[in-house]
Amino acid sequence: QGGEHCYYHGQVRGKDDSHVALSTCNGLQSTLSFQMPRSVFEEMKYLEVMIVSDHSMVGHLTKTFLIFKDQLHTRVVLVAVEIWTDRDHIPIGVRPLELLRDFSKYRQQSIKHHADSVQLLSNVTFHYRRSSTAYFGGMCSVSRGVGVNEYGTTWSMVGSLSQSLAQNLGIQWDPASKRKECGCVNLWDGCIMEDNGVQHPHRFSKCSITDYKEFLLKGGGSCLFNRPTKLFEVADCGNGFVEVGEECDCGTRSDCYKECCKKCSLANGAHCSDGPCCNSTCLFYPRGYSCRYAVNDCDISESCSGDSGQCPPNLHKQDGYLCQVNQGRCYSGECKTRENQCKYIWGSKASGSEKFCYEKLNTEGTEKGNCGKDGEKWTQCSKHDVFCGYLLCTNIGRAPRIGTMKGDATPTSFNHQGNVIQCTGAHIILDDDTDLGYVEDGTPCGPSMMCLDHKCLPIQSLNMSTCAIGPNGQVCSNMYLRSLYNQLFLILRCNKNLTNTHTHTHTHTHTLLWSLHVFFFFLSMCGFALDLDLDVPIFTDVQKHLFGSLEMLN
């Protein structure tokens, strides 16, 4: 108190799985636990989804009210629906990659509602081998957290929307060659991300779960850890969200600790009912108790506040921080190096090529080294930008562990200073047409320099927002940026309660909700627990009845 440091935490000597939190602020208070913080995968996450429907879908959709669970330990919450009732706001064509790019621009320019992912449902039939596409690993990004889905039949829409969200979460397609390895041995049920067109998939495969864990451990999905506090639905005790008039709501009885919460009211003496910062006796863990690990050099561990059962939002270090023994730079929560990128694409045995490879090849502007294409011609990198061009690796395998190789790899070797060095690149294409064969944005390319769009730029010129570092030397995080965004969002919401600028007629809204109802009913058929409320009056209040929550549990 009065500036005195009176909070302490650590471990019991010799007990690596223990945790001690001690306070001397008001006498001596302490807690001892042998249960370590949950991993980011085990902790409940919340995926806030917005659905946009094009004009042609108005006559094809109906009503929903929903909750589902699955093994990703992620609750999906429908936070908004926008229907283009009079016209389409972007060209709706049969080429999904073009539609995806146009929809991304539309979201950035026109959608002000906060969502972790925005998905377009269209009545178009794509000229494409799949019925949906989304930016791989784009969750939480305003520009890349989008997907486009063809409606087709009700059941096919269900599958495509599930797959589109999964792609945003960094989950790859399961190749037929790995069916047994991925655990998709049931030919009838199949798995959601199977690449052979399973009609009614029931579960995510072991490979999908591994992909999702890797996405989280790399620093992806930081927006998934904030628990929504306001839903656009009638307050409902038992939906897992604390709403007006409720003291607690942990969903099903099994999600609550003991008898902490009864009928959405806390039991006598209970402070909380669930969450990483709520103990099994319904009391808050003390301030400073670690509730979430830092998953990498660019992440920040979170601690309980002492007055909430929930762990604070998941924060990462601000872009530009040095990481991995000063070899990389933090960018969007991930430590970027050419070495890391080579290993991510080709596996742990691969490594980044020598600098000489980049200086020699990327200045030539050929298939074996370049800074991209201008029409049909390869672009030469300037000497200043060579480390931001074509990615060159050594010890690559026969096939990449992610994406599809376009054409052949381009192996080259040199005798440099008495050593033979390998310089091999390849164009690795994702479903969203992203080419992983180039050095990623955010990768260091010189002292205080980072790559951006194949250019090596001073970090100071990238207009990265700054925030103050406290007197205790606490690292600067993305909290400041998030706070500004939240304030802006609140202002926007005060001025515009509904995202859709058009009047929703009874028929339009009813049809949209029916389609979503069938979508989540299908998910319940895939082994997800489903709780439906079909007696809600249809859209006497659009804001209240348009949205429901979807829950995924392990």
Protein backbone atom coordinates (compact mmCIF):
# COMPACT_ATOMS: atom_id res chain seq x y z
CA GLN A 1 0.00 0.00 0.00
CA GLY A 2 1.16 3.55 -0.60
CA GLY A 3 3.61 2.24 -3.20
CA GLU A 4 4.74 -0.72 -1.09
CA HIS A 5 5.20 -3.98 -2.99
CA CYS A 6 3.17 -6.56 -1.08
CA TYR A 7 2.33 -9.31 -3.58
CA TYR A 8 4.59 -12.33 -4.11
CA HIS A 9 4.27 -15.53 -6.08
CA GLY A 10 6.49 -18.50 -6.84
CA GLN A 11 6.84 -22.25 -6.37
CA VAL A 12 7.36 -24.73 -3.57
CA ARG A 13 11.00 -25.77 -3.68
CA GLY A 14 11.34 -29.06 -5.55
CA LYS A 15 7.72 -29.00 -6.77
CA ASP A 16 7.67 -27.76 -10.36
CA ASP A 17 3.89 -28.22 -10.64
CA SER A 18 3.16 -26.04 -7.60
CA HIS A 19 2.14 -22.41 -7.30
CA VAL A 20 2.28 -20.13 -4.26
CA ALA A 21 0.67 -16.68 -4.07
CA LEU A 22 1.38 -14.55 -0.97
CA SER A 23 0.06 -11.16 0.11
CA THR A 24 1.24 -9.02 3.05
CA CYS A 25 -0.92 -6.03 2.15
CA ASN A 26 -3.45 -6.58 4.97
CA GLY A 27 -1.83 -9.09 7.26
CA LEU A 28 -0.55 -12.37 5.87
CA GLN A 29 -2.67 -14.13 3.24
CA SER A 30 -1.55 -16.95 0.99
CA THR A 31 -2.68 -19.76 -1.24
CA LEU A 32 -0.89 -22.93 -2.24
CA SER A 33 -1.80 -24.92 -5.32
CA PHE A 34 -0.32 -27.89 -7.12
CA GLN A 35 -2.44 -27.27 -10.19
CA MET A 36 -0.65 -25.26 -12.85
CA PRO A 37 -2.42 -22.78 -15.14
CA ARG A 38 -4.43 -24.29 -17.94
CA SER A 39 -2.79 -24.45 -21.33
CA VAL A 40 -4.18 -22.13 -23.98
CA PHE A 41 -5.85 -25.13 -25.59
CA GLU A 42 -7.55 -26.32 -22.40
CA GLU A 43 -8.78 -22.85 -21.46
CA MET A 44 -12.23 -22.01 -22.80
CA LYS A 45 -12.09 -19.69 -25.79
CA TYR A 46 -14.82 -17.60 -27.43
CA LEU A 47 -15.09 -17.18 -31.19
CA GLU A 48 -17.37 -14.25 -32.04
CA VAL A 49 -18.85 -14.79 -35.51
CA MET A 50 -20.79 -12.46 -37.76
CA ILE A 51 -22.82 -13.86 -40.68
CA VAL A 52 -23.43 -11.86 -43.86
CA SER A 53 -25.98 -13.10 -46.40
CA ASP A 54 -26.11 -11.91 -49.99
CA HIS A 55 -29.33 -10.69 -51.63
CA SER A 56 -30.11 -13.98 -53.40
CA MET A 57 -30.15 -15.85 -50.08
CA VAL A 58 -33.13 -13.96 -48.68
CA GLY A 59 -35.63 -16.51 -49.96
CA HIS A 60 -33.65 -19.56 -48.83
CA LEU A 61 -33.05 -19.22 -45.10
CA THR A 62 -34.96 -19.54 -41.80
CA LYS A 63 -34.66 -19.42 -37.96
CA THR A 64 -32.08 -20.49 -35.40
CA PHE A 65 -31.33 -20.49 -31.72
CA LEU A 66 -28.40 -22.63 -30.81
CA ILE A 67 -25.60 -24.00 -28.67
CA PHE A 68 -23.01 -26.58 -29.75
CA LYS A 69 -19.92 -28.16 -28.32
CA ASP A 70 -16.92 -29.97 -29.76
CA GLN A 71 -13.41 -30.98 -29.02
CA LEU A 72 -11.69 -27.65 -29.77
CA HIS A 73 -12.70 -26.23 -26.39
CA THR A 74 -13.98 -23.13 -28.15
CA ARG A 75 -17.41 -21.59 -27.81
CA VAL A 76 -18.64 -19.99 -30.99
CA VAL A 77 -20.89 -17.01 -30.36
CA LEU A 78 -23.05 -15.52 -33.09
CA VAL A 79 -22.82 -11.78 -32.49
CA ALA A 80 -24.34 -10.24 -35.62
CA VAL A 81 -26.20 -10.96 -38.85
CA GLU A 82 -26.30 -8.68 -41.89
CA ILE A 83 -28.71 -9.34 -44.76
CA TRP A 84 -28.34 -7.57 -48.09
CA THR A 85 -32.07 -7.20 -48.64
CA ASP A 86 -32.11 -4.90 -51.67
CA ARG A 87 -28.79 -5.46 -53.46
CA ASP A 88 -25.38 -7.07 -53.15
CA HIS A 89 -22.70 -4.77 -51.77
CA ILE A 90 -19.89 -6.53 -53.64
CA PRO A 91 -19.87 -8.44 -56.95
CA ILE A 92 -21.01 -12.03 -56.29
CA GLY A 93 -19.16 -14.24 -58.75
CA VAL A 94 -18.25 -17.88 -59.18
CA ARG A 95 -14.54 -17.39 -58.44
CA PRO A 96 -14.21 -17.80 -54.66
CA LEU A 97 -10.73 -16.28 -54.32
CA GLU A 98 -11.87 -13.07 -56.03
CA LEU A 99 -14.99 -13.06 -53.86
CA LEU A 100 -12.87 -13.59 -50.75
CA ARG A 101 -10.65 -10.61 -51.57
CA ASP A 102 -13.65 -8.39 -52.34
CA PHE A 103 -15.41 -9.47 -49.13
CA SER A 104 -12.27 -8.73 -47.11
CA LYS A 105 -12.25 -5.18 -48.50
CA TYR A 106 -15.96 -4.83 -47.73
CA ARG A 107 -15.42 -5.89 -44.14
CA GLN A 108 -12.55 -3.44 -43.66
CA GLN A 109 -14.43 -0.53 -45.19
CA SER A 110 -18.06 -1.11 -44.21
CA ILE A 111 -18.49 -3.49 -41.27
CA LYS A 112 -18.02 -1.71 -37.95
CA HIS A 113 -19.37 -4.47 -35.73
CA HIS A 114 -16.74 -6.30 -33.70
CA ALA A 115 -16.30 -9.96 -34.63
CA ASP A 116 -13.40 -12.39 -34.63
CA SER A 117 -14.50 -13.81 -37.99
CA VAL A 118 -17.05 -12.62 -40.57
CA GLN A 119 -18.52 -15.24 -42.92
CA LEU A 120 -20.43 -14.64 -46.16
CA LEU A 121 -23.18 -17.10 -47.14
CA SER A 122 -23.96 -16.91 -50.85
CA ASN A 123 -26.40 -18.70 -53.13
CA VAL A 124 -23.76 -18.81 -55.87
CA THR A 125 -22.20 -22.09 -57.05
CA PHE A 126 -18.43 -21.69 -57.11
CA HIS A 127 -16.26 -22.85 -60.00
CA TYR A 128 -14.02 -24.51 -57.45
CA ARG A 129 -13.36 -27.94 -56.01
CA ARG A 130 -14.60 -26.85 -52.58
CA SER A 131 -17.72 -25.03 -51.42
CA SER A 132 -15.91 -22.53 -49.18
CA THR A 133 -12.64 -20.72 -48.75
CA ALA A 134 -11.19 -18.55 -46.01
CA TYR A 135 -7.89 -16.96 -45.13
CA PHE A 136 -5.76 -19.58 -43.42
CA GLY A 137 -4.97 -18.57 -39.84
CA GLY A 138 -6.75 -15.25 -40.35
CA MET A 139 -8.74 -15.34 -37.10
CA CYS A 140 -8.68 -12.01 -35.20
CA SER A 141 -7.49 -10.04 -38.24
CA VAL A 142 -9.92 -7.50 -39.71
CA SER A 143 -8.52 -8.10 -43.20
CA ARG A 144 -8.02 -11.88 -43.03
CA GLY A 145 -10.63 -13.02 -40.51
CA VAL A 146 -13.18 -13.68 -43.26
CA GLY A 147 -14.54 -16.57 -45.29
CA VAL A 148 -16.97 -17.10 -48.17
CA ASN A 149 -19.34 -20.06 -48.42
CA GLU A 150 -21.75 -21.29 -51.06
CA TYR A 151 -25.15 -22.30 -49.79
CA GLY A 152 -25.93 -25.23 -52.10
CA THR A 153 -28.08 -27.43 -49.91
CA THR A 154 -28.67 -26.89 -46.22
CA TRP A 155 -26.36 -29.77 -45.31
CA SER A 156 -23.54 -28.68 -47.60
CA MET A 157 -23.73 -25.15 -46.15
CA VAL A 158 -23.29 -26.64 -42.69
CA GLY A 159 -20.10 -28.39 -43.70
CA SER A 160 -18.66 -25.47 -45.63
CA LEU A 161 -19.21 -23.00 -42.79
CA SER A 162 -17.52 -25.35 -40.32
CA GLN A 163 -14.56 -25.75 -42.67
CA SER A 164 -14.31 -22.03 -43.32
CA LEU A 165 -14.12 -21.22 -39.60
CA ALA A 166 -11.58 -24.01 -39.16
CA GLN A 167 -9.35 -22.51 -41.85
CA ASN A 168 -9.45 -19.17 -40.04
CA LEU A 169 -8.23 -21.10 -36.98
CA GLY A 170 -5.19 -22.43 -38.84
CA ILE A 171 -6.61 -25.92 -39.42
CA GLN A 172 -5.50 -27.61 -42.63
CA TRP A 173 -7.34 -30.08 -44.83
CA ASP A 174 -6.76 -33.74 -43.92
CA PRO A 175 -5.22 -35.49 -46.95
CA ALA A 176 -6.59 -38.89 -47.86
CA SER A 177 -3.10 -40.34 -47.44
CA LYS A 178 -3.22 -39.51 -43.71
CA ARG A 179 -6.71 -40.83 -43.02
CA LYS A 180 -5.51 -43.47 -40.56
CA GLU A 181 -2.91 -41.18 -38.99
CA CYS A 182 -5.51 -38.46 -38.47
CA GLY A 183 -8.00 -40.91 -36.96
CA CYS A 184 -10.63 -40.64 -39.72
CA VAL A 185 -11.13 -44.37 -40.12
CA ASN A 186 -14.93 -44.39 -40.19
CA LEU A 187 -15.83 -44.11 -43.87
CA TRP A 188 -19.44 -43.14 -43.13
CA ASP A 189 -18.91 -40.43 -40.51
CA GLY A 190 -15.60 -39.03 -41.67
CA CYS A 191 -13.95 -35.87 -40.32
CA ILE A 192 -14.82 -32.22 -40.91
CA MET A 193 -11.58 -31.29 -42.70
CA GLU A 194 -11.26 -34.40 -44.87
CA ASP A 195 -10.18 -33.63 -48.40
CA ASN A 196 -12.36 -36.22 -50.12
CA GLY A 197 -15.80 -34.63 -49.83
CA VAL A 198 -17.33 -36.41 -46.85
CA GLN A 199 -21.06 -35.63 -46.86
CA HIS A 200 -21.86 -35.51 -43.15
CA PRO A 201 -18.65 -35.15 -41.13
CA HIS A 202 -18.99 -35.67 -37.40
CA ARG A 203 -15.75 -34.57 -35.75
CA PHE A 204 -12.45 -32.82 -36.14
CA SER A 205 -9.59 -35.24 -36.63
CA LYS A 206 -6.49 -35.65 -34.48
CA CYS A 207 -4.58 -33.75 -37.17
CA SER A 208 -7.07 -30.86 -36.99
CA ILE A 209 -6.70 -30.64 -33.21
CA THR A 210 -2.90 -30.64 -33.57
CA ASP A 211 -3.13 -27.84 -36.15
CA TYR A 212 -5.29 -25.76 -33.82
CA LYS A 213 -2.90 -26.27 -30.91
CA GLU A 214 0.02 -25.22 -33.11
CA PHE A 215 -1.92 -22.12 -34.20
CA LEU A 216 -2.43 -21.13 -30.56
CA LEU A 217 1.15 -21.89 -29.53
CA LYS A 218 2.50 -19.76 -32.37
CA GLY A 219 0.58 -16.83 -30.92
CA GLY A 220 -2.55 -16.97 -33.06
CA GLY A 221 -6.09 -16.45 -31.82
CA SER A 222 -5.37 -13.90 -29.08
CA CYS A 223 -8.87 -12.43 -29.58
CA LEU A 224 -10.49 -15.74 -28.60
CA PHE A 225 -9.74 -15.32 -24.90
CA ASN A 226 -12.07 -12.41 -24.17
CA ARG A 227 -15.42 -13.61 -22.83
CA PRO A 228 -18.33 -11.70 -24.42
CA THR A 229 -20.35 -9.78 -21.85
CA LYS A 230 -23.32 -8.81 -24.01
CA LEU A 231 -25.20 -10.99 -26.46
CA PHE A 232 -27.85 -9.96 -28.95
CA GLU A 233 -30.43 -12.35 -27.57
CA VAL A 234 -32.93 -12.49 -24.76
CA ALA A 235 -31.09 -13.00 -21.46
CA ASP A 236 -31.19 -16.72 -20.80
CA CYS A 237 -29.99 -18.36 -17.61
CA GLY A 238 -27.91 -21.34 -18.64
CA ASN A 239 -26.37 -20.02 -21.84
CA GLY A 240 -22.94 -19.61 -20.23
CA PHE A 241 -22.81 -15.80 -20.30
CA VAL A 242 -23.43 -13.49 -17.35
CA GLU A 243 -26.13 -11.06 -18.46
CA VAL A 244 -28.21 -8.34 -16.82
CA GLY A 245 -29.83 -9.66 -13.66
CA GLU A 246 -27.41 -12.60 -13.32
CA GLU A 247 -24.56 -13.03 -10.87
CA CYS A 248 -23.16 -16.10 -12.58
CA ASP A 249 -23.84 -18.36 -15.53
CA CYS A 250 -21.38 -21.09 -16.37
CA GLY A 251 -23.66 -22.94 -18.74
CA THR A 252 -24.15 -26.58 -17.88
CA ARG A 253 -23.90 -27.80 -14.29
CA SER A 254 -20.69 -29.69 -15.13
CA ASP A 255 -18.98 -26.41 -16.09
CA CYS A 256 -19.48 -24.95 -12.60
CA TYR A 257 -17.35 -25.69 -9.56
CA LYS A 258 -19.40 -27.70 -7.06
CA GLU A 259 -22.52 -25.74 -6.09
CA CYS A 260 -21.11 -22.25 -6.65
CA CYS A 261 -23.93 -21.11 -8.93
CA LYS A 262 -27.62 -21.95 -8.67
CA LYS A 263 -30.15 -20.53 -11.10
CA CYS A 264 -27.63 -17.85 -12.11
CA SER A 265 -27.16 -16.61 -8.52
CA LEU A 266 -24.01 -17.18 -6.50
CA ALA A 267 -24.33 -19.44 -3.49
CA ASN A 268 -23.81 -17.94 -0.04
CA GLY A 269 -20.15 -17.07 0.43
CA ALA A 270 -19.28 -17.76 -3.21
CA HIS A 271 -17.31 -15.13 -5.12
CA CYS A 272 -17.32 -16.93 -8.46
CA SER A 273 -18.47 -20.09 -10.17
CA ASP A 274 -16.05 -20.83 -12.99
CA GLY A 275 -12.95 -19.66 -14.82
CA PRO A 276 -9.17 -20.00 -14.49
CA CYS A 277 -9.12 -17.50 -11.60
CA CYS A 278 -11.88 -19.22 -9.60
CA ASN A 279 -10.84 -22.04 -7.28
CA SER A 280 -12.82 -25.14 -6.39
CA THR A 281 -14.17 -23.48 -3.23
CA CYS A 282 -15.89 -20.73 -5.26
CA LEU A 283 -13.35 -18.06 -4.24
CA PHE A 284 -11.11 -15.87 -6.37
CA TYR A 285 -7.48 -16.79 -6.67
CA PRO A 286 -5.43 -13.89 -5.27
CA ARG A 287 -4.05 -11.14 -7.42
CA GLY A 288 -0.86 -12.28 -9.11
CA TYR A 289 -1.86 -15.94 -9.42
CA SER A 290 -0.70 -17.09 -12.85
CA CYS A 291 -3.65 -18.12 -14.99
CA ARG A 292 -2.19 -18.31 -18.51
CA TYR A 293 1.28 -19.20 -19.71
CA ALA A 294 3.24 -17.20 -22.26
CA VAL A 295 3.27 -19.58 -25.22
CA ASN A 296 6.30 -18.05 -26.96
CA ASP A 297 8.82 -15.20 -26.80
CA CYS A 298 6.25 -12.73 -28.11
CA ASP A 299 3.50 -13.65 -25.69
CA ILE A 300 2.91 -12.24 -22.20
CA SER A 301 1.79 -14.40 -19.29
CA GLU A 302 -1.41 -13.28 -17.58
CA SER A 303 -2.23 -13.25 -13.88
CA CYS A 304 -5.50 -13.09 -11.98
CA SER A 305 -6.75 -9.68 -10.85
CA GLY A 306 -8.02 -10.98 -7.52
CA ASP A 307 -11.58 -9.78 -8.12
CA SER A 308 -12.70 -11.92 -11.07
CA GLY A 309 -12.93 -15.60 -11.87
CA GLN A 310 -11.80 -14.99 -15.44
CA CYS A 311 -8.23 -14.64 -16.65
CA PRO A 312 -7.52 -11.21 -18.22
CA PRO A 313 -7.51 -10.88 -22.03
CA ASN A 314 -4.68 -12.63 -23.83
CA LEU A 315 -2.03 -10.05 -24.68
CA HIS A 316 1.15 -10.30 -26.71
CA LYS A 317 4.18 -8.06 -27.00
CA GLN A 318 3.93 -5.13 -29.32
CA ASP A 319 5.13 -5.59 -32.91
CA GLY A 320 8.84 -4.93 -33.29
CA TYR A 321 10.09 -6.41 -30.01
CA LEU A 322 13.21 -8.54 -30.33
CA CYS A 323 12.69 -12.26 -29.70
CA GLN A 324 14.43 -15.62 -29.89
CA VAL A 325 17.80 -14.41 -28.54
CA ASN A 326 17.55 -11.22 -30.61
CA GLN A 327 17.37 -13.21 -33.87
CA GLY A 328 13.73 -12.38 -34.63
CA ARG A 329 11.09 -9.70 -34.29
CA CYS A 330 7.61 -10.01 -32.83
CA TYR A 331 4.80 -9.52 -35.31
CA SER A 332 1.14 -10.26 -34.51
CA GLY A 333 2.17 -12.32 -31.50
CA GLU A 334 4.64 -14.52 -33.40
CA CYS A 335 8.44 -14.46 -33.48
CA LYS A 336 9.34 -14.01 -37.14
CA THR A 337 12.61 -15.37 -38.55
CA ARG A 338 13.49 -16.96 -41.87
CA GLU A 339 14.64 -20.01 -39.91
CA ASN A 340 11.24 -20.39 -38.23
CA GLN A 341 9.43 -20.01 -41.53
CA CYS A 342 11.52 -22.73 -43.20
CA LYS A 343 10.82 -25.13 -40.32
CA TYR A 344 7.11 -24.30 -40.36
CA ILE A 345 6.85 -25.14 -44.07
CA TRP A 346 9.29 -28.03 -44.38
CA GLY A 347 9.58 -29.51 -40.89
CA SER A 348 12.02 -29.42 -38.00
CA LYS A 349 15.02 -30.66 -40.01
CA ALA A 350 14.89 -27.69 -42.38
CA SER A 351 16.71 -24.45 -41.71
CA GLY A 352 17.18 -21.06 -43.31
CA SER A 353 19.81 -20.67 -46.02
CA GLU A 354 22.95 -18.57 -45.64
CA LYS A 355 22.72 -14.84 -46.27
CA PHE A 356 24.87 -15.32 -49.36
CA CYS A 357 21.99 -17.22 -51.00
CA TYR A 358 19.69 -14.23 -50.65
CA GLU A 359 22.33 -11.73 -51.78
CA LYS A 360 23.22 -13.83 -54.82
CA LEU A 361 19.85 -15.15 -56.02
CA ASN A 362 17.18 -12.60 -55.10
CA THR A 363 18.97 -9.84 -57.00
CA GLU A 364 18.80 -11.87 -60.23
CA GLY A 365 15.04 -11.72 -60.68
CA THR A 366 14.65 -15.32 -61.89
CA GLU A 367 12.54 -18.28 -60.88
CA LYS A 368 15.27 -19.19 -58.36
CA GLY A 369 15.35 -15.79 -56.67
CA ASN A 370 13.12 -12.73 -56.89
CA CYS A 371 10.87 -10.26 -55.07
CA GLY A 372 7.64 -11.40 -56.66
CA LYS A 373 6.11 -11.07 -60.11
CA ASP A 374 5.13 -8.11 -62.24
CA GLY A 375 2.73 -9.65 -64.72
CA GLU A 376 4.65 -12.58 -66.19
CA LYS A 377 8.11 -11.29 -65.27
CA TRP A 378 10.04 -12.00 -62.09
CA THR A 379 10.99 -8.87 -60.17
CA GLN A 380 14.58 -8.33 -59.08
CA CYS A 381 15.12 -7.44 -55.44
CA SER A 382 17.21 -4.39 -54.74
CA LYS A 383 20.27 -5.16 -52.61
CA HIS A 384 18.46 -3.49 -49.75
CA ASP A 385 15.44 -5.85 -50.02
CA VAL A 386 17.07 -9.25 -50.70
CA PHE A 387 16.11 -10.67 -47.29
CA CYS A 388 12.42 -9.91 -47.93
CA GLY A 389 12.09 -11.77 -51.22
CA TYR A 390 12.01 -15.44 -52.17
CA LEU A 391 12.39 -17.68 -49.10
CA LEU A 392 15.46 -19.92 -49.34
CA CYS A 393 15.92 -22.98 -47.11
CA THR A 394 18.18 -26.01 -46.68
CA ASN A 395 17.38 -29.65 -45.90
CA ILE A 396 13.83 -29.46 -47.19
CA GLY A 397 11.73 -32.59 -47.54
CA ARG A 398 10.00 -33.98 -50.62
CA ALA A 399 6.73 -32.24 -49.81
CA PRO A 400 5.79 -29.31 -47.58
CA ARG A 401 3.97 -30.01 -44.32
CA ILE A 402 1.48 -27.26 -45.15
CA GLY A 403 -0.08 -26.07 -48.40
CA THR A 404 0.57 -27.39 -51.91
CA MET A 405 3.77 -26.96 -53.88
CA LYS A 406 3.18 -25.20 -57.19
CA GLY A 407 5.57 -26.57 -59.77
CA ASP A 408 8.91 -27.87 -58.56
CA ALA A 409 11.33 -26.71 -55.91
CA THR A 410 14.27 -24.63 -57.16
CA PRO A 411 17.43 -26.13 -55.62
CA THR A 412 20.71 -24.28 -56.08
CA SER A 413 24.08 -24.81 -54.45
CA PHE A 414 27.21 -22.67 -54.25
CA ASN A 415 30.77 -23.14 -53.14
CA HIS A 416 31.15 -20.22 -50.77
CA GLN A 417 34.24 -19.64 -48.64
CA GLY A 418 35.23 -23.28 -48.94
CA ASN A 419 31.78 -24.64 -48.05
CA VAL A 420 28.95 -25.93 -50.24
CA ILE A 421 25.76 -24.11 -49.29
CA GLN A 422 22.22 -25.01 -50.33
CA CYS A 423 19.65 -22.45 -51.44
CA THR A 424 16.28 -24.04 -52.16
CA GLY A 425 12.96 -22.29 -52.58
CA ALA A 426 9.47 -23.26 -53.69
CA HIS A 427 6.07 -21.70 -54.17
CA ILE A 428 3.81 -23.13 -51.45
CA ILE A 429 0.20 -22.18 -52.13
CA LEU A 430 -2.60 -22.17 -49.56
CA ASP A 431 -6.29 -22.46 -50.42
CA ASP A 432 -6.67 -18.70 -50.06
CA ASP A 433 -3.97 -18.28 -52.77
CA THR A 434 -1.37 -17.05 -50.28
CA ASP A 435 2.15 -17.99 -51.38
CA LEU A 436 4.28 -19.06 -48.41
CA GLY A 437 7.33 -19.13 -50.67
CA TYR A 438 8.25 -15.56 -49.75
CA VAL A 439 9.69 -14.15 -46.55
CA GLU A 440 6.84 -13.16 -44.22
CA ASP A 441 5.98 -9.62 -43.19
CA GLY A 442 7.55 -8.73 -39.84
CA THR A 443 10.72 -10.76 -40.43
CA PRO A 444 13.93 -8.86 -39.53
CA CYS A 445 16.07 -7.89 -42.52
CA GLY A 446 18.70 -5.73 -40.84
CA PRO A 447 19.36 -3.73 -37.67
CA SER A 448 16.02 -2.13 -36.66
CA MET A 449 14.57 -3.20 -40.02
CA MET A 450 11.58 -5.42 -40.85
CA CYS A 451 10.05 -6.84 -44.03
CA LEU A 452 6.76 -5.53 -45.34
CA ASP A 453 5.45 -6.48 -48.78
CA HIS A 454 8.89 -7.57 -50.03
CA LYS A 455 10.49 -4.32 -48.84
CA CYS A 456 13.02 -3.94 -46.01
CA LEU A 457 11.85 -0.92 -44.03
CA PRO A 458 12.97 0.82 -40.83
CA ILE A 459 10.76 -0.24 -37.93
CA GLN A 460 10.19 3.43 -37.12
CA SER A 461 8.62 3.98 -40.57
CA LEU A 462 5.99 1.26 -40.12
CA ASN A 463 3.80 3.54 -37.96
CA MET A 464 3.61 1.01 -35.14
CA SER A 465 1.71 2.54 -32.25
CA THR A 466 3.65 2.99 -29.05
CA CYS A 467 2.59 2.71 -25.46
CA ALA A 468 4.33 3.69 -22.29
CA ILE A 469 6.41 1.24 -20.26
CA GLY A 470 5.59 1.45 -16.58
CA PRO A 471 8.11 2.24 -13.83
CA ASN A 472 8.35 -1.47 -13.03
CA GLY A 473 9.76 -2.13 -16.50
CA GLN A 474 6.68 -4.04 -17.63
CA VAL A 475 6.89 -4.93 -21.30
CA CYS A 476 4.76 -2.97 -23.74
CA SER A 477 1.85 -5.03 -25.07
CA ASN A 478 -1.04 -4.71 -27.47
CA MET A 479 -3.39 -3.76 -24.60
CA TYR A 480 -3.19 -0.06 -25.44
CA LEU A 481 -4.22 -0.68 -29.04
CA ARG A 482 -7.06 -2.95 -27.92
CA SER A 483 -8.27 -0.33 -25.44
CA LEU A 484 -8.41 2.31 -28.17
CA TYR A 485 -10.30 -0.08 -30.44
CA ASN A 486 -12.81 -0.93 -27.73
CA GLN A 487 -13.47 2.77 -27.06
CA LEU A 488 -13.97 3.43 -30.76
CA PHE A 489 -16.27 0.42 -31.07
CA LEU A 490 -18.43 1.61 -28.17
CA ILE A 491 -18.83 5.00 -29.85
CA LEU A 492 -19.78 3.36 -33.14
CA ARG A 493 -22.29 1.10 -31.42
CA CYS A 494 -23.96 4.01 -29.68
CA ASN A 495 -24.56 5.56 -33.08
CA LYS A 496 -25.58 2.38 -34.84
CA ASN A 497 -27.26 -0.40 -32.89
CA LEU A 498 -27.79 -2.67 -35.86
CA THR A 499 -25.09 -3.52 -38.37
CA ASN A 500 -27.55 -3.84 -41.23
CA THR A 501 -28.67 -0.51 -42.63
CA HIS A 502 -31.71 -2.03 -44.28
CA THR A 503 -35.06 -2.81 -42.73
CA HIS A 504 -35.42 -6.50 -41.79
CA THR A 505 -38.85 -7.77 -42.68
CA HIS A 506 -40.40 -10.66 -40.80
CA THR A 507 -39.84 -12.96 -43.77
CA HIS A 508 -36.21 -11.96 -44.40
CA THR A 509 -35.07 -12.44 -40.84
CA HIS A 510 -37.10 -15.59 -40.32
CA THR A 511 -35.58 -17.24 -43.38
CA LEU A 512 -32.02 -16.38 -42.38
CA LEU A 513 -32.43 -17.77 -38.91
CA TRP A 514 -33.87 -21.01 -40.22
CA SER A 515 -30.72 -21.65 -42.24
CA LEU A 516 -28.53 -21.03 -39.22
CA HIS A 517 -30.81 -23.26 -37.15
CA VAL A 518 -30.20 -26.13 -39.55
CA PHE A 519 -26.46 -25.39 -39.53
CA PHE A 520 -26.15 -25.75 -35.80
CA PHE A 521 -28.59 -28.66 -35.71
CA PHE A 522 -26.25 -30.45 -38.07
CA LEU A 523 -23.35 -29.67 -35.76
CA SER A 524 -25.34 -31.29 -32.98
CA MET A 525 -25.56 -34.38 -35.19
CA CYS A 526 -21.76 -34.30 -35.36
CA GLY A 527 -21.48 -35.17 -31.70
CA PHE A 528 -22.15 -31.65 -30.41
CA ALA A 529 -24.56 -31.07 -27.54
CA LEU A 530 -27.43 -28.93 -28.78
CA ASP A 531 -29.89 -26.84 -26.82
CA LEU A 532 -32.67 -25.23 -28.84
CA ASP A 533 -35.27 -22.70 -27.86
CA LEU A 534 -37.86 -22.64 -30.62
CA ASP A 535 -40.52 -20.73 -28.72
CA VAL A 536 -38.86 -17.33 -28.95
CA PRO A 537 -41.19 -14.87 -30.70
CA ILE A 538 -39.86 -14.27 -34.18
CA PHE A 539 -38.21 -10.88 -34.39
CA THR A 540 -40.49 -8.64 -32.44
CA ASP A 541 -37.12 -7.32 -31.39
CA VAL A 542 -34.53 -8.10 -34.06
CA GLN A 543 -31.51 -7.32 -31.90
CA LYS A 544 -32.62 -9.65 -29.13
CA HIS A 545 -33.64 -12.67 -31.15
CA LEU A 546 -31.23 -12.60 -34.08
CA PHE A 547 -28.26 -13.99 -32.22
CA GLY A 548 -27.49 -17.12 -30.25
CA SER A 549 -24.41 -18.78 -28.88
CA LEU A 550 -22.57 -21.86 -30.01
CA GLU A 551 -20.40 -23.75 -27.60
CA MET A 552 -17.52 -26.11 -28.33
CA LEU A 553 -16.11 -28.17 -25.47
CA ASN A 554 -13.50 -30.85 -25.27
